[in-house]
Amino acid sequence: MRKRLIGRVLQDKNPKTRIVEIMRFIMHPRYKKFLRRRRKFHCHDEKNISKAGDRVVIEEARPFSKLKRWKVVKVLNEGSEQ
């Protein structure tokens, strides 16, 4: 089973490549405050189905290039570019 994550497309300028931001919340061990942590992934989008602002599901894949190790599986909902 390959890992799947849900994130937001930040950039769609390059053909067949999307930069997806994954946001997660962690609790500080001492102060019990929730902190936002984010990470950017370069993802392969073969059919260019996603645009900037969309929420997408990404999945682990074989290496497509130096940075691309994930692929876009589907678009959950379309959003506007911010």
C-alpha atoms as a PDB file:
ATOM      1  CA  MET A   1       0.000   0.000   0.000  1.00  0.00           C
ATOM      2  CA  ARG A   2       1.440   3.354  -1.015  1.00  0.00           C
ATOM      3  CA  LYS A   3       1.142   6.465   1.095  1.00  0.00           C
ATOM      4  CA  ARG A   4      -1.580   8.947   0.159  1.00  0.00           C
ATOM      5  CA  LEU A   5      -1.819  12.544   1.311  1.00  0.00           C
ATOM      6  CA  ILE A   6      -4.300  15.375   0.799  1.00  0.00           C
ATOM      7  CA  GLY A   7      -2.991  18.835   0.016  1.00  0.00           C
ATOM      8  CA  ARG A   8      -3.443  22.078  -1.892  1.00  0.00           C
ATOM      9  CA  VAL A   9      -1.821  22.898  -5.223  1.00  0.00           C
ATOM     10  CA  LEU A  10       0.392  25.963  -4.844  1.00  0.00           C
ATOM     11  CA  GLN A  11       1.888  26.182  -8.307  1.00  0.00           C
ATOM     12  CA  ASP A  12       1.011  24.848 -11.756  1.00  0.00           C
ATOM     13  CA  LYS A  13       3.415  26.798 -13.966  1.00  0.00           C
ATOM     14  CA  ASN A  14       5.470  23.868 -15.259  1.00  0.00           C
ATOM     15  CA  PRO A  15       3.830  21.329 -17.586  1.00  0.00           C
ATOM     16  CA  LYS A  16       3.001  17.999 -15.895  1.00  0.00           C
ATOM     17  CA  THR A  17       4.382  19.215 -12.559  1.00  0.00           C
ATOM     18  CA  ARG A  18       2.508  20.552  -9.546  1.00  0.00           C
ATOM     19  CA  ILE A  19       3.826  21.831  -6.238  1.00  0.00           C
ATOM     20  CA  VAL A  20       1.495  20.608  -3.493  1.00  0.00           C
ATOM     21  CA  GLU A  21       1.494  21.863   0.092  1.00  0.00           C
ATOM     22  CA  ILE A  22       0.611  19.407   2.856  1.00  0.00           C
ATOM     23  CA  MET A  23      -0.527  21.080   6.090  1.00  0.00           C
ATOM     24  CA  ARG A  24      -0.591  19.190   9.394  1.00  0.00           C
ATOM     25  CA  PHE A  25      -1.113  20.141  13.015  1.00  0.00           C
ATOM     26  CA  ILE A  26       1.026  18.908  15.887  1.00  0.00           C
ATOM     27  CA  MET A  27       0.633  19.558  19.600  1.00  0.00           C
ATOM     28  CA  HIS A  28       3.540  21.097  21.474  1.00  0.00           C
ATOM     29  CA  PRO A  29       4.602  18.582  24.143  1.00  0.00           C
ATOM     30  CA  ARG A  30       4.952  21.101  26.960  1.00  0.00           C
ATOM     31  CA  TYR A  31       2.594  23.971  26.156  1.00  0.00           C
ATOM     32  CA  LYS A  32      -0.185  21.888  24.543  1.00  0.00           C
ATOM     33  CA  LYS A  33      -0.633  24.441  21.784  1.00  0.00           C
ATOM     34  CA  PHE A  34      -1.354  23.260  18.254  1.00  0.00           C
ATOM     35  CA  LEU A  35       1.310  24.255  15.747  1.00  0.00           C
ATOM     36  CA  ARG A  36       0.945  24.293  11.969  1.00  0.00           C
ATOM     37  CA  ARG A  37       3.576  22.420  10.017  1.00  0.00           C
ATOM     38  CA  ARG A  38       3.719  22.422   6.241  1.00  0.00           C
ATOM     39  CA  ARG A  39       5.709  20.634   3.595  1.00  0.00           C
ATOM     40  CA  LYS A  40       5.924  21.057  -0.170  1.00  0.00           C
ATOM     41  CA  PHE A  41       6.010  18.153  -2.599  1.00  0.00           C
ATOM     42  CA  HIS A  42       6.763  18.207  -6.322  1.00  0.00           C
ATOM     43  CA  CYS A  43       4.150  15.962  -7.928  1.00  0.00           C
ATOM     44  CA  HIS A  44       3.685  14.492 -11.391  1.00  0.00           C
ATOM     45  CA  ASP A  45       0.379  15.331 -13.103  1.00  0.00           C
ATOM     46  CA  GLU A  46       0.374  13.512 -16.439  1.00  0.00           C
ATOM     47  CA  LYS A  47      -2.913  14.915 -17.808  1.00  0.00           C
ATOM     48  CA  ASN A  48      -2.679  18.398 -16.207  1.00  0.00           C
ATOM     49  CA  ILE A  49      -5.983  17.839 -14.372  1.00  0.00           C
ATOM     50  CA  SER A  50      -5.219  20.150 -11.437  1.00  0.00           C
ATOM     51  CA  LYS A  51      -4.809  23.905 -11.211  1.00  0.00           C
ATOM     52  CA  ALA A  52      -3.470  26.231  -8.501  1.00  0.00           C
ATOM     53  CA  GLY A  53      -5.780  26.321  -5.477  1.00  0.00           C
ATOM     54  CA  ASP A  54      -7.265  22.830  -5.982  1.00  0.00           C
ATOM     55  CA  ARG A  55      -7.337  20.258  -3.196  1.00  0.00           C
ATOM     56  CA  VAL A  56      -5.801  17.029  -4.477  1.00  0.00           C
ATOM     57  CA  VAL A  57      -4.888  13.514  -3.375  1.00  0.00           C
ATOM     58  CA  ILE A  58      -1.249  12.611  -4.030  1.00  0.00           C
ATOM     59  CA  GLU A  59       0.366   9.192  -3.871  1.00  0.00           C
ATOM     60  CA  GLU A  60       3.915   7.896  -3.621  1.00  0.00           C
ATOM     61  CA  ALA A  61       5.369   6.833  -6.950  1.00  0.00           C
ATOM     62  CA  ARG A  62       8.551   5.914  -8.701  1.00  0.00           C
ATOM     63  CA  PRO A  63      11.043   8.735  -9.237  1.00  0.00           C
ATOM     64  CA  PHE A  64       9.981  10.840 -12.223  1.00  0.00           C
ATOM     65  CA  SER A  65      12.862  13.315 -11.923  1.00  0.00           C
ATOM     66  CA  LYS A  66      15.321  14.708  -9.384  1.00  0.00           C
ATOM     67  CA  LEU A  67      12.571  16.122  -7.132  1.00  0.00           C
ATOM     68  CA  LYS A  68       9.358  14.387  -8.273  1.00  0.00           C
ATOM     69  CA  ARG A  69       8.558  11.282  -6.201  1.00  0.00           C
ATOM     70  CA  TRP A  70       4.773  11.737  -5.930  1.00  0.00           C
ATOM     71  CA  LYS A  71       1.898  11.784  -8.414  1.00  0.00           C
ATOM     72  CA  VAL A  72      -1.525  13.446  -8.422  1.00  0.00           C
ATOM     73  CA  VAL A  73      -4.254  10.800  -8.147  1.00  0.00           C
ATOM     74  CA  LYS A  74      -7.414  12.915  -8.227  1.00  0.00           C
ATOM     75  CA  VAL A  75      -8.825  16.383  -7.642  1.00  0.00           C
ATOM     76  CA  LEU A  76     -11.138  16.570  -4.626  1.00  0.00           C
ATOM     77  CA  ASN A  77     -12.532  20.059  -5.176  1.00  0.00           C
ATOM     78  CA  GLU A  78     -11.575  22.987  -7.297  1.00  0.00           C
ATOM     79  CA  GLY A  79     -10.491  26.202  -5.649  1.00  0.00           C
ATOM     80  CA  SER A  80      -9.494  29.612  -6.797  1.00  0.00           C
ATOM     81  CA  GLU A  81      -5.896  30.775  -6.916  1.00  0.00           C
ATOM     82  CA  GLN A  82      -4.988  32.934  -3.924  1.00  0.00           C
END
